Amino acid sequence: MKEDILEKGAIIQRDRQTYAAVPHIPGGFVSVEAFRKIVAAAEKFRAAALKMTSGQRIAVIGLEEKDLDAFWHDVERPIGYASGLCVRMVKFCPGTTYCRHGVQDAMGVGLELDRRYHGRPLSAKFKIGVAGCEYACNAPLFKEVGLLGKPEGWQISIGGTCGAKPRLGDAVAERLGDGEALEMTDRIIRWFESGNFQPKVRMGRIIDQLGLEEVKRALAR
């Protein structure tokens, strides 16, 4: 049975013969030129479909294994880590850059978090969400780290999870500026990274095991 070819940024498909490749597109924002390259490569290598994913990515579905290296050469984009034990996504909205509801710079902060952490290996899959207002359209409360923009600053939550056993994140900080929110996110990730936790156990389950107050104390050190 074929396994995911993670080093080539490809995920085996249902037919166990073809692959989906996922170019990295931070926040789902892509230039027209870059988008054209993805479409051209998909056409050249006879992709079955293009999928706009919930992770703000474009999955190119139905590629043959022999074409993967050439596909990545043509699209000229880094790999989007849609699978594996790592920071899989930093999902962010337009914030104050484009959205009329934005009260915090979700795009600026999200791009910086993406630059720092996307693909970073961890003991379990890990997602970050950044919403520029309290409409929270990209569901930061269901991410391992969620940044929610309020008029007075960022609220940060931890331990959110979607899936079969959804869990709302727990708020651990309020009224943070951009720099403070970035520093707090780094503290959270370093705590999770250095905790020697059981592989594949997501942060929310660890918080439930340890207790939220104990985790807060660890983050305050």
N, C-alpha and C. Protein backbone atom coordinates (compact mmCIF):
# COMPACT_ATOMS: atom_id res chain seq x y z
N MET A 1 0.84 -1.19 0.00
CA MET A 1 0.00 0.00 0.00
C MET A 1 0.88 1.25 0.00
N LYS A 2 0.56 2.19 -0.87
CA LYS A 2 1.35 3.41 -0.95
C LYS A 2 1.03 4.32 0.22
N GLU A 3 2.06 5.02 0.73
CA GLU A 3 1.89 5.99 1.80
C GLU A 3 2.00 7.39 1.22
N ASP A 4 1.60 8.38 2.01
CA ASP A 4 1.72 9.77 1.59
C ASP A 4 3.19 10.09 1.31
N ILE A 5 3.45 10.76 0.19
CA ILE A 5 4.82 11.18 -0.12
C ILE A 5 4.98 12.58 0.43
N LEU A 6 5.16 12.68 1.74
CA LEU A 6 5.15 13.98 2.39
C LEU A 6 6.29 14.87 1.94
N GLU A 7 7.45 14.24 1.67
CA GLU A 7 8.59 15.06 1.27
C GLU A 7 8.37 15.70 -0.09
N LYS A 8 7.42 15.19 -0.86
CA LYS A 8 7.08 15.79 -2.15
C LYS A 8 5.77 16.58 -2.06
N GLY A 9 5.28 16.77 -0.86
CA GLY A 9 4.08 17.57 -0.67
C GLY A 9 2.86 16.96 -1.32
N ALA A 10 2.76 15.64 -1.32
CA ALA A 10 1.67 14.97 -2.01
C ALA A 10 0.95 13.99 -1.09
N ILE A 11 -0.33 13.83 -1.30
CA ILE A 11 -1.17 12.98 -0.47
C ILE A 11 -1.86 11.96 -1.36
N ILE A 12 -1.68 10.69 -1.03
CA ILE A 12 -2.29 9.63 -1.82
C ILE A 12 -3.81 9.77 -1.81
N GLN A 13 -4.44 9.48 -2.93
CA GLN A 13 -5.88 9.66 -3.07
C GLN A 13 -6.63 8.33 -2.93
N ARG A 14 -7.91 8.40 -3.04
CA ARG A 14 -8.78 7.24 -2.81
C ARG A 14 -8.44 6.07 -3.72
N ASP A 15 -8.00 6.38 -4.94
CA ASP A 15 -7.70 5.30 -5.89
C ASP A 15 -6.38 4.59 -5.59
N ARG A 16 -5.61 5.12 -4.61
CA ARG A 16 -4.31 4.57 -4.21
C ARG A 16 -3.29 4.60 -5.33
N GLN A 17 -3.54 5.40 -6.34
CA GLN A 17 -2.64 5.50 -7.48
C GLN A 17 -2.20 6.94 -7.74
N THR A 18 -3.10 7.87 -7.58
CA THR A 18 -2.79 9.27 -7.86
C THR A 18 -2.70 10.08 -6.57
N TYR A 19 -2.22 11.34 -6.72
CA TYR A 19 -1.91 12.16 -5.56
C TYR A 19 -2.53 13.55 -5.70
N ALA A 20 -2.73 14.18 -4.53
CA ALA A 20 -3.08 15.60 -4.49
C ALA A 20 -1.86 16.36 -3.99
N ALA A 21 -1.50 17.40 -4.70
CA ALA A 21 -0.41 18.29 -4.29
C ALA A 21 -1.03 19.60 -3.80
N VAL A 22 -0.44 20.17 -2.75
CA VAL A 22 -1.04 21.33 -2.11
C VAL A 22 -0.01 22.45 -2.01
N PRO A 23 0.04 23.34 -2.99
CA PRO A 23 0.95 24.49 -2.88
C PRO A 23 0.58 25.37 -1.69
N HIS A 24 1.58 25.94 -1.06
CA HIS A 24 1.33 26.80 0.09
C HIS A 24 0.86 28.18 -0.36
N ILE A 25 -0.29 28.59 0.16
CA ILE A 25 -0.88 29.89 -0.17
C ILE A 25 -1.28 30.55 1.14
N PRO A 26 -0.40 31.31 1.78
CA PRO A 26 -0.70 31.85 3.11
C PRO A 26 -2.01 32.62 3.16
N GLY A 27 -2.90 32.17 4.03
CA GLY A 27 -4.17 32.85 4.21
C GLY A 27 -5.12 32.76 3.03
N GLY A 28 -4.75 32.01 1.99
CA GLY A 28 -5.56 31.93 0.79
C GLY A 28 -5.39 33.11 -0.14
N PHE A 29 -4.44 34.00 0.15
CA PHE A 29 -4.19 35.17 -0.69
C PHE A 29 -3.09 34.83 -1.69
N VAL A 30 -3.38 34.97 -2.97
CA VAL A 30 -2.43 34.59 -4.00
C VAL A 30 -2.51 35.60 -5.14
N SER A 31 -1.37 35.91 -5.72
CA SER A 31 -1.35 36.84 -6.85
C SER A 31 -1.94 36.17 -8.09
N VAL A 32 -2.38 36.99 -9.03
CA VAL A 32 -2.92 36.45 -10.28
C VAL A 32 -1.86 35.63 -11.01
N GLU A 33 -0.63 36.12 -11.02
CA GLU A 33 0.45 35.40 -11.70
C GLU A 33 0.70 34.03 -11.07
N ALA A 34 0.74 33.97 -9.74
CA ALA A 34 0.96 32.70 -9.06
C ALA A 34 -0.20 31.74 -9.28
N PHE A 35 -1.41 32.28 -9.30
CA PHE A 35 -2.58 31.44 -9.54
C PHE A 35 -2.54 30.85 -10.95
N ARG A 36 -2.13 31.67 -11.91
CA ARG A 36 -2.03 31.17 -13.29
C ARG A 36 -1.04 30.01 -13.38
N LYS A 37 0.07 30.09 -12.64
CA LYS A 37 1.07 29.01 -12.68
C LYS A 37 0.49 27.71 -12.14
N ILE A 38 -0.30 27.81 -11.08
CA ILE A 38 -0.93 26.61 -10.52
C ILE A 38 -1.89 26.00 -11.51
N VAL A 39 -2.73 26.84 -12.12
CA VAL A 39 -3.70 26.34 -13.10
C VAL A 39 -2.99 25.73 -14.32
N ALA A 40 -1.94 26.41 -14.79
CA ALA A 40 -1.20 25.90 -15.95
C ALA A 40 -0.56 24.55 -15.66
N ALA A 41 0.02 24.40 -14.46
CA ALA A 41 0.64 23.13 -14.09
C ALA A 41 -0.41 22.04 -13.95
N ALA A 42 -1.56 22.38 -13.37
CA ALA A 42 -2.64 21.40 -13.25
C ALA A 42 -3.09 20.91 -14.62
N GLU A 43 -3.18 21.83 -15.57
CA GLU A 43 -3.58 21.45 -16.92
C GLU A 43 -2.49 20.62 -17.60
N LYS A 44 -1.24 21.04 -17.45
CA LYS A 44 -0.12 20.35 -18.10
C LYS A 44 -0.01 18.89 -17.64
N PHE A 45 -0.21 18.67 -16.34
CA PHE A 45 -0.04 17.32 -15.80
C PHE A 45 -1.37 16.60 -15.60
N ARG A 46 -2.40 17.07 -16.29
CA ARG A 46 -3.69 16.39 -16.41
C ARG A 46 -4.33 16.11 -15.05
N ALA A 47 -4.37 17.13 -14.20
CA ALA A 47 -5.03 16.99 -12.90
C ALA A 47 -6.52 16.73 -13.09
N ALA A 48 -7.09 15.96 -12.19
CA ALA A 48 -8.51 15.65 -12.29
C ALA A 48 -9.38 16.81 -11.82
N ALA A 49 -8.88 17.59 -10.84
CA ALA A 49 -9.68 18.69 -10.29
C ALA A 49 -8.80 19.62 -9.48
N LEU A 50 -9.29 20.84 -9.26
CA LEU A 50 -8.72 21.78 -8.31
C LEU A 50 -9.73 21.96 -7.19
N LYS A 51 -9.26 21.87 -5.95
CA LYS A 51 -10.16 21.97 -4.80
C LYS A 51 -9.76 23.15 -3.92
N MET A 52 -10.68 24.10 -3.72
CA MET A 52 -10.47 25.18 -2.77
C MET A 52 -10.79 24.62 -1.38
N THR A 53 -9.78 24.43 -0.54
CA THR A 53 -9.98 23.72 0.71
C THR A 53 -10.38 24.64 1.85
N SER A 54 -10.86 24.05 2.92
CA SER A 54 -11.23 24.83 4.11
C SER A 54 -10.01 25.40 4.81
N GLY A 55 -8.82 24.89 4.47
CA GLY A 55 -7.58 25.39 5.04
C GLY A 55 -6.96 26.53 4.25
N GLN A 56 -7.75 27.16 3.37
CA GLN A 56 -7.29 28.30 2.56
C GLN A 56 -6.17 27.89 1.61
N ARG A 57 -6.32 26.70 1.01
CA ARG A 57 -5.34 26.19 0.07
C ARG A 57 -6.04 25.79 -1.22
N ILE A 58 -5.23 25.53 -2.25
CA ILE A 58 -5.73 24.96 -3.50
C ILE A 58 -5.08 23.59 -3.65
N ALA A 59 -5.88 22.54 -3.54
CA ALA A 59 -5.37 21.19 -3.73
C ALA A 59 -5.50 20.82 -5.21
N VAL A 60 -4.40 20.39 -5.80
CA VAL A 60 -4.40 19.94 -7.19
C VAL A 60 -4.49 18.42 -7.15
N ILE A 61 -5.62 17.88 -7.56
CA ILE A 61 -5.97 16.48 -7.33
C ILE A 61 -5.78 15.66 -8.60
N GLY A 62 -5.28 14.44 -8.42
CA GLY A 62 -5.20 13.49 -9.53
C GLY A 62 -3.89 13.50 -10.27
N LEU A 63 -2.80 13.85 -9.62
CA LEU A 63 -1.48 13.86 -10.26
C LEU A 63 -0.82 12.49 -10.14
N GLU A 64 -0.04 12.15 -11.13
CA GLU A 64 0.70 10.89 -11.09
C GLU A 64 2.03 11.10 -10.37
N GLU A 65 2.49 10.06 -9.71
CA GLU A 65 3.71 10.16 -8.92
C GLU A 65 4.90 10.62 -9.76
N LYS A 66 4.99 10.16 -10.97
CA LYS A 66 6.12 10.51 -11.83
C LYS A 66 6.16 11.99 -12.19
N ASP A 67 5.04 12.68 -12.03
CA ASP A 67 4.96 14.10 -12.42
C ASP A 67 5.15 15.06 -11.25
N LEU A 68 5.29 14.55 -10.03
CA LEU A 68 5.29 15.43 -8.86
C LEU A 68 6.44 16.42 -8.86
N ASP A 69 7.65 15.95 -9.13
CA ASP A 69 8.80 16.87 -9.12
C ASP A 69 8.64 17.97 -10.16
N ALA A 70 8.19 17.59 -11.35
CA ALA A 70 8.00 18.57 -12.42
C ALA A 70 6.87 19.54 -12.07
N PHE A 71 5.84 19.05 -11.42
CA PHE A 71 4.73 19.92 -11.00
C PHE A 71 5.25 21.01 -10.07
N TRP A 72 6.03 20.62 -9.05
CA TRP A 72 6.54 21.62 -8.10
C TRP A 72 7.51 22.59 -8.77
N HIS A 73 8.25 22.11 -9.73
CA HIS A 73 9.15 23.00 -10.48
C HIS A 73 8.35 24.08 -11.20
N ASP A 74 7.22 23.68 -11.78
CA ASP A 74 6.43 24.62 -12.57
C ASP A 74 5.65 25.63 -11.72
N VAL A 75 5.12 25.19 -10.59
CA VAL A 75 4.29 26.13 -9.80
C VAL A 75 5.14 27.13 -9.02
N GLU A 76 6.39 26.77 -8.73
CA GLU A 76 7.30 27.67 -8.01
C GLU A 76 6.69 28.16 -6.70
N ARG A 77 6.09 27.23 -5.96
CA ARG A 77 5.53 27.54 -4.65
C ARG A 77 6.06 26.54 -3.64
N PRO A 78 6.22 26.93 -2.37
CA PRO A 78 6.58 25.95 -1.34
C PRO A 78 5.44 24.99 -1.07
N ILE A 79 5.75 23.90 -0.40
CA ILE A 79 4.76 22.89 -0.05
C ILE A 79 3.82 23.43 1.03
N GLY A 80 2.53 23.14 0.88
CA GLY A 80 1.56 23.41 1.93
C GLY A 80 1.39 22.16 2.76
N TYR A 81 1.66 22.24 4.05
CA TYR A 81 1.64 21.05 4.90
C TYR A 81 0.22 20.73 5.34
N ALA A 82 -0.51 20.05 4.45
CA ALA A 82 -1.91 19.71 4.72
C ALA A 82 -2.06 18.43 5.51
N SER A 83 -0.95 17.73 5.78
CA SER A 83 -0.99 16.51 6.59
C SER A 83 0.29 16.42 7.39
N GLY A 84 0.35 15.45 8.29
CA GLY A 84 1.54 15.26 9.09
C GLY A 84 1.44 15.91 10.46
N LEU A 85 2.38 15.57 11.34
CA LEU A 85 2.42 16.10 12.70
C LEU A 85 3.25 17.38 12.69
N CYS A 86 2.56 18.49 12.51
CA CYS A 86 3.23 19.79 12.36
C CYS A 86 2.19 20.89 12.44
N VAL A 87 2.64 22.12 12.33
CA VAL A 87 1.70 23.24 12.18
C VAL A 87 1.17 23.20 10.75
N ARG A 88 -0.03 22.74 10.60
CA ARG A 88 -0.60 22.52 9.27
C ARG A 88 -1.10 23.80 8.61
N MET A 89 -1.57 24.70 9.42
CA MET A 89 -2.11 25.92 8.82
C MET A 89 -2.06 27.08 9.80
N VAL A 90 -1.95 28.25 9.25
CA VAL A 90 -2.24 29.49 9.96
C VAL A 90 -3.35 30.15 9.14
N LYS A 91 -4.55 30.01 9.62
CA LYS A 91 -5.72 30.47 8.86
C LYS A 91 -6.09 31.88 9.32
N PHE A 92 -6.13 32.82 8.37
CA PHE A 92 -6.45 34.19 8.78
C PHE A 92 -7.35 34.87 7.76
N CYS A 93 -8.07 35.87 8.26
CA CYS A 93 -9.02 36.62 7.43
C CYS A 93 -8.37 37.91 6.93
N PRO A 94 -9.07 38.71 6.12
CA PRO A 94 -8.49 39.96 5.60
C PRO A 94 -8.27 41.04 6.67
N GLY A 95 -8.95 40.90 7.82
CA GLY A 95 -8.76 41.88 8.90
C GLY A 95 -8.94 43.31 8.43
N THR A 96 -8.12 44.20 8.96
CA THR A 96 -8.22 45.62 8.61
C THR A 96 -7.65 45.94 7.23
N THR A 97 -7.03 44.94 6.58
CA THR A 97 -6.47 45.19 5.24
C THR A 97 -7.56 45.36 4.20
N TYR A 98 -8.59 44.50 4.25
CA TYR A 98 -9.65 44.53 3.24
C TYR A 98 -11.07 44.55 3.81
N CYS A 99 -11.28 43.97 4.99
CA CYS A 99 -12.65 43.75 5.47
C CYS A 99 -13.19 44.97 6.22
N ARG A 100 -14.41 45.36 5.94
CA ARG A 100 -15.01 46.53 6.60
C ARG A 100 -15.30 46.27 8.08
N HIS A 101 -15.33 45.00 8.50
CA HIS A 101 -15.60 44.69 9.90
C HIS A 101 -14.32 44.57 10.73
N GLY A 102 -13.16 44.51 10.09
CA GLY A 102 -11.92 44.26 10.81
C GLY A 102 -11.57 45.35 11.80
N VAL A 103 -11.15 44.93 13.00
CA VAL A 103 -10.69 45.88 14.01
C VAL A 103 -9.23 45.63 14.40
N GLN A 104 -8.67 44.47 13.97
CA GLN A 104 -7.27 44.17 14.21
C GLN A 104 -6.65 43.65 12.91
N ASP A 105 -5.32 43.77 12.83
CA ASP A 105 -4.60 43.44 11.60
C ASP A 105 -4.38 41.93 11.49
N ALA A 106 -5.44 41.21 11.17
CA ALA A 106 -5.36 39.75 11.08
C ALA A 106 -4.43 39.31 9.95
N MET A 107 -4.41 40.04 8.87
CA MET A 107 -3.58 39.65 7.73
C MET A 107 -2.10 39.82 8.06
N GLY A 108 -1.74 40.94 8.66
CA GLY A 108 -0.34 41.17 9.02
C GLY A 108 0.16 40.19 10.06
N VAL A 109 -0.63 39.99 11.11
CA VAL A 109 -0.24 39.06 12.16
C VAL A 109 -0.25 37.63 11.63
N GLY A 110 -1.27 37.30 10.83
CA GLY A 110 -1.36 35.95 10.27
C GLY A 110 -0.19 35.62 9.36
N LEU A 111 0.22 36.56 8.53
CA LEU A 111 1.37 36.33 7.65
C LEU A 111 2.65 36.11 8.45
N GLU A 112 2.81 36.85 9.54
CA GLU A 112 4.00 36.67 10.36
C GLU A 112 3.98 35.32 11.08
N LEU A 113 2.83 34.92 11.59
CA LEU A 113 2.73 33.60 12.21
C LEU A 113 2.97 32.49 11.19
N ASP A 114 2.45 32.67 9.99
CA ASP A 114 2.69 31.68 8.93
C ASP A 114 4.18 31.59 8.61
N ARG A 115 4.84 32.73 8.52
CA ARG A 115 6.27 32.73 8.22
C ARG A 115 7.06 32.00 9.31
N ARG A 116 6.65 32.19 10.55
CA ARG A 116 7.39 31.59 11.66
C ARG A 116 7.13 30.10 11.83
N TYR A 117 5.88 29.68 11.62
CA TYR A 117 5.50 28.36 12.12
C TYR A 117 4.97 27.36 11.10
N HIS A 118 4.55 27.78 9.94
CA HIS A 118 3.95 26.82 9.01
C HIS A 118 4.91 25.66 8.72
N GLY A 119 4.44 24.44 8.94
CA GLY A 119 5.25 23.25 8.71
C GLY A 119 6.14 22.85 9.86
N ARG A 120 6.14 23.60 10.96
CA ARG A 120 7.01 23.29 12.10
C ARG A 120 6.62 21.94 12.71
N PRO A 121 7.57 21.00 12.83
CA PRO A 121 7.24 19.67 13.38
C PRO A 121 6.84 19.77 14.85
N LEU A 122 5.78 19.04 15.21
CA LEU A 122 5.31 18.98 16.59
C LEU A 122 4.84 17.55 16.87
N SER A 123 4.43 17.28 18.09
CA SER A 123 4.01 15.93 18.44
C SER A 123 2.62 15.57 17.94
N ALA A 124 1.86 16.56 17.51
CA ALA A 124 0.51 16.33 16.99
C ALA A 124 0.20 17.41 15.96
N LYS A 125 -0.83 17.17 15.17
CA LYS A 125 -1.21 18.22 14.23
C LYS A 125 -1.66 19.45 15.00
N PHE A 126 -1.43 20.61 14.40
CA PHE A 126 -1.56 21.87 15.14
C PHE A 126 -2.05 22.93 14.17
N LYS A 127 -3.08 23.66 14.58
CA LYS A 127 -3.65 24.68 13.71
C LYS A 127 -3.75 26.01 14.46
N ILE A 128 -3.57 27.08 13.72
CA ILE A 128 -3.65 28.44 14.27
C ILE A 128 -4.70 29.21 13.47
N GLY A 129 -5.54 29.96 14.17
CA GLY A 129 -6.53 30.79 13.51
C GLY A 129 -6.44 32.23 13.97
N VAL A 130 -6.57 33.16 13.03
CA VAL A 130 -6.48 34.59 13.36
C VAL A 130 -7.68 35.29 12.73
N ALA A 131 -8.55 35.84 13.57
CA ALA A 131 -9.74 36.55 13.10
C ALA A 131 -9.65 38.01 13.51
N GLY A 132 -9.89 38.90 12.57
CA GLY A 132 -9.73 40.33 12.82
C GLY A 132 -10.87 41.01 13.50
N CYS A 133 -11.96 40.28 13.77
CA CYS A 133 -13.08 40.85 14.51
C CYS A 133 -13.85 39.74 15.19
N GLU A 134 -14.87 40.11 15.97
CA GLU A 134 -15.60 39.12 16.77
C GLU A 134 -16.60 38.30 15.96
N TYR A 135 -16.74 38.59 14.66
CA TYR A 135 -17.52 37.68 13.82
C TYR A 135 -16.78 36.34 13.67
N ALA A 136 -15.47 36.37 13.81
CA ALA A 136 -14.65 35.14 13.87
C ALA A 136 -14.98 34.17 12.74
N CYS A 137 -14.95 34.67 11.50
CA CYS A 137 -15.41 33.86 10.38
C CYS A 137 -14.52 32.66 10.08
N ASN A 138 -13.28 32.65 10.58
CA ASN A 138 -12.43 31.48 10.35
C ASN A 138 -12.25 30.64 11.62
N ALA A 139 -13.17 30.79 12.56
CA ALA A 139 -13.31 29.91 13.72
C ALA A 139 -12.03 29.73 14.54
N PRO A 140 -11.42 30.80 15.05
CA PRO A 140 -10.20 30.65 15.84
C PRO A 140 -10.40 29.85 17.13
N LEU A 141 -11.62 29.81 17.65
CA LEU A 141 -11.87 29.05 18.88
C LEU A 141 -11.80 27.54 18.67
N PHE A 142 -11.71 27.12 17.41
CA PHE A 142 -11.57 25.69 17.11
C PHE A 142 -10.18 25.37 16.60
N LYS A 143 -9.19 26.18 16.98
CA LYS A 143 -7.79 25.93 16.62
C LYS A 143 -6.96 25.76 17.89
N GLU A 144 -5.80 25.12 17.74
CA GLU A 144 -4.89 24.97 18.89
C GLU A 144 -4.54 26.32 19.49
N VAL A 145 -4.29 27.30 18.64
CA VAL A 145 -4.11 28.68 19.09
C VAL A 145 -5.05 29.55 18.27
N GLY A 146 -5.88 30.31 18.95
CA GLY A 146 -6.81 31.20 18.27
C GLY A 146 -6.61 32.64 18.70
N LEU A 147 -6.47 33.53 17.73
CA LEU A 147 -6.36 34.96 17.99
C LEU A 147 -7.64 35.62 17.51
N LEU A 148 -8.35 36.24 18.42
CA LEU A 148 -9.62 36.90 18.11
C LEU A 148 -9.47 38.39 18.30
N GLY A 149 -9.68 39.16 17.23
CA GLY A 149 -9.52 40.60 17.29
C GLY A 149 -10.71 41.30 17.92
N LYS A 150 -10.45 42.08 18.93
CA LYS A 150 -11.47 42.91 19.56
C LYS A 150 -10.99 44.36 19.52
N PRO A 151 -11.89 45.33 19.69
CA PRO A 151 -11.45 46.73 19.62
C PRO A 151 -10.32 47.07 20.58
N GLU A 152 -10.28 46.40 21.73
CA GLU A 152 -9.24 46.69 22.73
C GLU A 152 -7.98 45.84 22.56
N GLY A 153 -7.96 44.97 21.57
CA GLY A 153 -6.77 44.15 21.34
C GLY A 153 -7.12 42.70 21.07
N TRP A 154 -6.08 41.85 21.07
CA TRP A 154 -6.26 40.43 20.75
C TRP A 154 -6.63 39.62 21.99
N GLN A 155 -7.59 38.72 21.81
CA GLN A 155 -7.84 37.66 22.78
C GLN A 155 -7.21 36.39 22.24
N ILE A 156 -6.50 35.64 23.10
CA ILE A 156 -5.87 34.39 22.67
C ILE A 156 -6.51 33.22 23.41
N SER A 157 -6.88 32.20 22.65
CA SER A 157 -7.41 30.97 23.22
C SER A 157 -6.53 29.80 22.81
N ILE A 158 -6.60 28.73 23.58
CA ILE A 158 -5.78 27.54 23.28
C ILE A 158 -6.63 26.28 23.40
N GLY A 159 -6.24 25.26 22.64
CA GLY A 159 -6.84 23.94 22.80
C GLY A 159 -8.09 23.67 22.01
N GLY A 160 -8.43 24.54 21.06
CA GLY A 160 -9.61 24.29 20.25
C GLY A 160 -9.37 23.16 19.26
N THR A 161 -10.44 22.41 18.96
CA THR A 161 -10.34 21.28 18.05
C THR A 161 -11.67 21.09 17.33
N CYS A 162 -11.61 20.83 16.04
CA CYS A 162 -12.80 20.39 15.31
C CYS A 162 -12.80 18.86 15.26
N GLY A 163 -13.45 18.27 14.30
CA GLY A 163 -13.40 16.83 14.14
C GLY A 163 -14.49 16.10 14.89
N ALA A 164 -14.26 14.81 15.14
CA ALA A 164 -15.27 13.95 15.75
C ALA A 164 -15.58 14.35 17.19
N LYS A 165 -14.58 14.92 17.88
CA LYS A 165 -14.78 15.36 19.26
C LYS A 165 -14.40 16.83 19.38
N PRO A 166 -15.26 17.74 18.92
CA PRO A 166 -14.92 19.16 18.91
C PRO A 166 -14.75 19.72 20.32
N ARG A 167 -13.88 20.72 20.40
CA ARG A 167 -13.61 21.36 21.70
C ARG A 167 -13.37 22.83 21.47
N LEU A 168 -14.06 23.69 22.22
CA LEU A 168 -13.81 25.12 22.16
C LEU A 168 -12.53 25.45 22.90
N GLY A 169 -11.76 26.39 22.34
CA GLY A 169 -10.54 26.82 22.99
C GLY A 169 -10.81 27.59 24.27
N ASP A 170 -9.84 27.57 25.17
CA ASP A 170 -9.93 28.29 26.44
C ASP A 170 -9.15 29.59 26.34
N ALA A 171 -9.76 30.70 26.76
CA ALA A 171 -9.09 32.00 26.72
C ALA A 171 -7.97 32.04 27.77
N VAL A 172 -6.79 32.50 27.35
CA VAL A 172 -5.65 32.59 28.27
C VAL A 172 -5.04 33.99 28.31
N ALA A 173 -5.47 34.88 27.41
CA ALA A 173 -4.92 36.24 27.41
C ALA A 173 -5.91 37.18 26.72
N GLU A 174 -5.90 38.43 27.14
CA GLU A 174 -6.81 39.45 26.60
C GLU A 174 -6.05 40.75 26.37
N ARG A 175 -6.62 41.60 25.52
CA ARG A 175 -6.16 42.98 25.32
C ARG A 175 -4.68 43.07 24.93
N LEU A 176 -4.25 42.19 24.05
CA LEU A 176 -2.85 42.17 23.63
C LEU A 176 -2.65 42.98 22.36
N GLY A 177 -1.53 43.67 22.26
CA GLY A 177 -1.12 44.28 21.01
C GLY A 177 -0.56 43.23 20.07
N ASP A 178 -0.21 43.63 18.85
CA ASP A 178 0.29 42.67 17.87
C ASP A 178 1.54 41.95 18.37
N GLY A 179 2.50 42.72 18.86
CA GLY A 179 3.74 42.12 19.33
C GLY A 179 3.52 41.19 20.51
N GLU A 180 2.64 41.58 21.42
CA GLU A 180 2.34 40.74 22.58
C GLU A 180 1.65 39.45 22.16
N ALA A 181 0.76 39.54 21.16
CA ALA A 181 0.07 38.34 20.66
C ALA A 181 1.05 37.38 20.00
N LEU A 182 2.00 37.91 19.26
CA LEU A 182 3.01 37.06 18.64
C LEU A 182 3.88 36.40 19.70
N GLU A 183 4.25 37.15 20.72
CA GLU A 183 5.08 36.59 21.79
C GLU A 183 4.33 35.51 22.56
N MET A 184 3.05 35.73 22.82
CA MET A 184 2.26 34.75 23.55
C MET A 184 2.09 33.48 22.72
N THR A 185 1.87 33.63 21.43
CA THR A 185 1.75 32.45 20.57
C THR A 185 3.04 31.66 20.57
N ASP A 186 4.17 32.35 20.54
CA ASP A 186 5.46 31.66 20.57
C ASP A 186 5.62 30.90 21.89
N ARG A 187 5.20 31.51 22.98
CA ARG A 187 5.30 30.85 24.29
C ARG A 187 4.46 29.57 24.33
N ILE A 188 3.25 29.65 23.75
CA ILE A 188 2.36 28.49 23.72
C ILE A 188 2.98 27.36 22.90
N ILE A 189 3.49 27.69 21.73
CA ILE A 189 4.06 26.65 20.86
C ILE A 189 5.30 26.04 21.49
N ARG A 190 6.13 26.86 22.10
CA ARG A 190 7.34 26.32 22.76
C ARG A 190 6.98 25.43 23.93
N TRP A 191 5.93 25.78 24.69
CA TRP A 191 5.46 24.92 25.77
C TRP A 191 5.01 23.57 25.23
N PHE A 192 4.22 23.60 24.16
CA PHE A 192 3.72 22.35 23.58
C PHE A 192 4.87 21.53 22.98
N GLU A 193 5.80 22.21 22.39
CA GLU A 193 6.94 21.57 21.73
C GLU A 193 7.85 20.87 22.73
N SER A 194 8.03 21.48 23.89
CA SER A 194 8.99 20.96 24.87
C SER A 194 8.36 20.07 25.93
N GLY A 195 7.08 19.78 25.82
CA GLY A 195 6.37 19.06 26.87
C GLY A 195 6.52 17.56 26.85
N ASN A 196 7.15 17.01 25.81
CA ASN A 196 7.32 15.55 25.72
C ASN A 196 5.98 14.83 25.86
N PHE A 197 4.96 15.37 25.18
CA PHE A 197 3.62 14.79 25.25
C PHE A 197 3.49 13.58 24.33
N GLN A 198 2.50 12.78 24.59
CA GLN A 198 2.26 11.58 23.78
C GLN A 198 2.00 11.97 22.33
N PRO A 199 2.65 11.30 21.38
CA PRO A 199 2.45 11.64 19.97
C PRO A 199 0.98 11.53 19.55
N LYS A 200 0.58 12.43 18.72
CA LYS A 200 -0.74 12.48 18.09
C LYS A 200 -1.86 12.92 19.03
N VAL A 201 -1.51 13.26 20.27
CA VAL A 201 -2.52 13.78 21.20
C VAL A 201 -2.54 15.30 21.08
N ARG A 202 -3.68 15.85 20.69
CA ARG A 202 -3.74 17.27 20.41
C ARG A 202 -3.83 18.09 21.70
N MET A 203 -3.52 19.35 21.56
CA MET A 203 -3.36 20.22 22.71
C MET A 203 -4.59 20.24 23.61
N GLY A 204 -5.78 20.27 23.04
CA GLY A 204 -6.99 20.33 23.85
C GLY A 204 -7.11 19.17 24.81
N ARG A 205 -6.74 17.97 24.36
CA ARG A 205 -6.82 16.79 25.23
C ARG A 205 -5.77 16.88 26.35
N ILE A 206 -4.62 17.45 26.02
CA ILE A 206 -3.57 17.61 27.04
C ILE A 206 -4.02 18.61 28.10
N ILE A 207 -4.67 19.70 27.67
CA ILE A 207 -5.20 20.67 28.63
C ILE A 207 -6.22 20.01 29.54
N ASP A 208 -7.08 19.16 28.98
CA ASP A 208 -8.08 18.46 29.79
C ASP A 208 -7.41 17.54 30.80
N GLN A 209 -6.31 16.92 30.40
CA GLN A 209 -5.59 16.01 31.30
C GLN A 209 -4.88 16.77 32.43
N LEU A 210 -4.22 17.87 32.07
CA LEU A 210 -3.41 18.61 33.04
C LEU A 210 -4.23 19.59 33.87
N GLY A 211 -5.30 20.10 33.28
CA GLY A 211 -6.08 21.16 33.91
C GLY A 211 -5.65 22.51 33.37
N LEU A 212 -6.63 23.35 33.07
CA LEU A 212 -6.34 24.64 32.45
C LEU A 212 -5.45 25.51 33.34
N GLU A 213 -5.69 25.52 34.63
CA GLU A 213 -4.92 26.39 35.52
C GLU A 213 -3.45 25.99 35.54
N GLU A 214 -3.18 24.69 35.49
CA GLU A 214 -1.79 24.23 35.44
C GLU A 214 -1.11 24.69 34.15
N VAL A 215 -1.83 24.63 33.04
CA VAL A 215 -1.27 25.08 31.77
C VAL A 215 -1.03 26.59 31.81
N LYS A 216 -1.94 27.35 32.37
CA LYS A 216 -1.75 28.80 32.50
C LYS A 216 -0.52 29.11 33.32
N ARG A 217 -0.30 28.36 34.39
CA ARG A 217 0.88 28.58 35.21
C ARG A 217 2.16 28.28 34.43
N ALA A 218 2.11 27.23 33.61
CA ALA A 218 3.28 26.87 32.80
C ALA A 218 3.58 27.97 31.78
N LEU A 219 2.54 28.55 31.20
CA LEU A 219 2.73 29.59 30.20
C LEU A 219 3.21 30.90 30.82
N ALA A 220 2.96 31.09 32.10
CA ALA A 220 3.35 32.32 32.78
C ALA A 220 4.81 32.30 33.24
N ARG A 221 5.46 31.15 33.19
CA ARG A 221 6.83 31.05 33.69
C ARG A 221 7.82 31.70 32.75
